[in-house]
Protein backbone atom coordinates (compact mmCIF):
# COMPACT_ATOMS: atom_id res chain seq x y z
CA MET A 1 30.83 77.14 128.07
CA GLY A 2 30.67 79.64 125.25
CA GLN A 3 32.43 82.71 124.01
CA PHE A 4 33.59 85.80 125.83
CA GLU A 5 33.96 89.05 123.95
CA ILE A 6 36.51 91.64 124.88
CA GLY A 7 35.63 95.11 123.70
CA ASP A 8 36.36 98.73 124.43
CA PHE A 9 33.87 100.31 126.82
CA GLU A 10 34.99 103.92 126.40
CA GLY A 11 33.10 104.51 123.17
CA ARG A 12 36.10 104.23 120.86
CA ILE A 13 35.71 102.14 117.77
CA ARG A 14 37.94 99.12 117.70
CA PRO A 15 37.51 95.51 116.61
CA LYS A 16 36.30 92.96 119.13
CA VAL A 17 38.47 90.04 120.12
CA THR A 18 36.61 86.77 120.57
CA ILE A 19 38.07 84.12 122.86
CA ASP A 20 36.66 80.59 122.67
CA LEU A 21 36.57 79.09 126.19
CA ARG A 22 35.72 75.55 125.16
CA LEU A 23 38.58 73.16 125.84
CA SER A 24 39.12 71.00 122.78
CA GLN A 25 35.55 69.77 122.50
CA GLY A 26 35.05 67.17 119.86
CA THR A 27 38.69 66.39 119.14
CA GLU A 28 39.94 62.91 119.89
CA MET A 29 43.47 64.13 120.49
CA GLY A 30 42.29 66.65 123.08
CA ARG A 31 40.40 63.91 124.89
CA GLN A 32 43.46 61.66 124.93
CA VAL A 33 45.62 64.46 126.30
CA THR A 34 43.07 65.07 129.05
CA VAL A 35 43.05 61.40 130.03
CA VAL A 36 46.86 61.21 130.05
CA VAL A 37 47.17 64.36 132.21
CA TYR A 38 44.49 62.99 134.55
CA ALA A 39 46.31 59.65 134.88
CA LEU A 40 49.62 61.41 135.54
CA ALA A 41 47.97 63.51 138.24
CA MET A 42 46.62 60.34 139.86
CA VAL A 43 50.06 58.73 139.81
CA ALA A 44 51.63 61.87 141.31
CA VAL A 45 49.08 61.92 144.14
CA ILE A 46 49.57 58.22 144.89
CA VAL A 47 53.37 58.46 144.92
CA GLY A 48 53.28 61.66 146.99
CA VAL A 49 50.98 60.15 149.62
CA ASP A 50 53.05 56.95 149.73
CA VAL A 51 56.32 58.77 150.25
CA LEU A 52 55.03 61.34 152.72
CA PHE A 53 52.78 59.25 154.95
CA PHE A 54 53.02 55.48 154.42
CA ARG A 55 56.62 54.65 153.67
CA ASN A 56 56.93 51.45 155.77
CA ARG A 57 53.28 50.47 156.20
CA PHE A 58 52.26 48.06 153.46
CA TRP A 59 48.58 47.38 154.27
CA GLU A 60 47.70 50.97 155.10
CA ARG A 61 49.43 52.10 151.93
CA LEU A 62 47.56 49.55 149.84
CA ALA A 63 44.20 50.60 151.31
CA VAL A 64 44.88 54.31 150.75
CA ASN A 65 46.09 53.68 147.18
CA ILE A 66 42.91 51.75 146.38
CA GLY A 67 40.87 54.61 147.89
CA ILE A 68 42.69 57.21 145.80
CA VAL A 69 42.13 55.21 142.61
CA LEU A 70 38.41 54.85 143.45
CA VAL A 71 38.07 58.61 144.07
CA PHE A 72 39.87 59.46 140.83
CA GLY A 73 37.72 56.92 139.00
CA ALA A 74 34.52 58.43 140.41
CA PHE A 75 35.59 61.94 139.37
CA TYR A 76 36.48 60.67 135.90
CA LEU A 77 33.12 58.99 135.45
CA ARG A 78 31.26 62.04 136.76
CA PHE A 79 33.09 64.92 135.07
CA LEU A 80 35.33 63.75 132.22
CA ARG A 81 33.36 60.97 130.52
CA HIS A 82 31.43 62.01 127.44
CA PRO A 83 27.67 61.38 127.64
């Protein structure tokens, strides 16, 4: 991403505040936190769909759960994996 500078546009002199918008790039701990949050989101979606829509339907539930895991896996490989 980069940096975004916040300044005063009315001509007054004041120091600029620099905000770094990069989300924990290069830190192993930040990557692990991202993966854990992503996995928890996947579990929450699976449990929510199971409870709301497929409570007593085993095969439909299994198929939808496999589909959800495949979609989350595809998004992980596309957007969260480091090159």
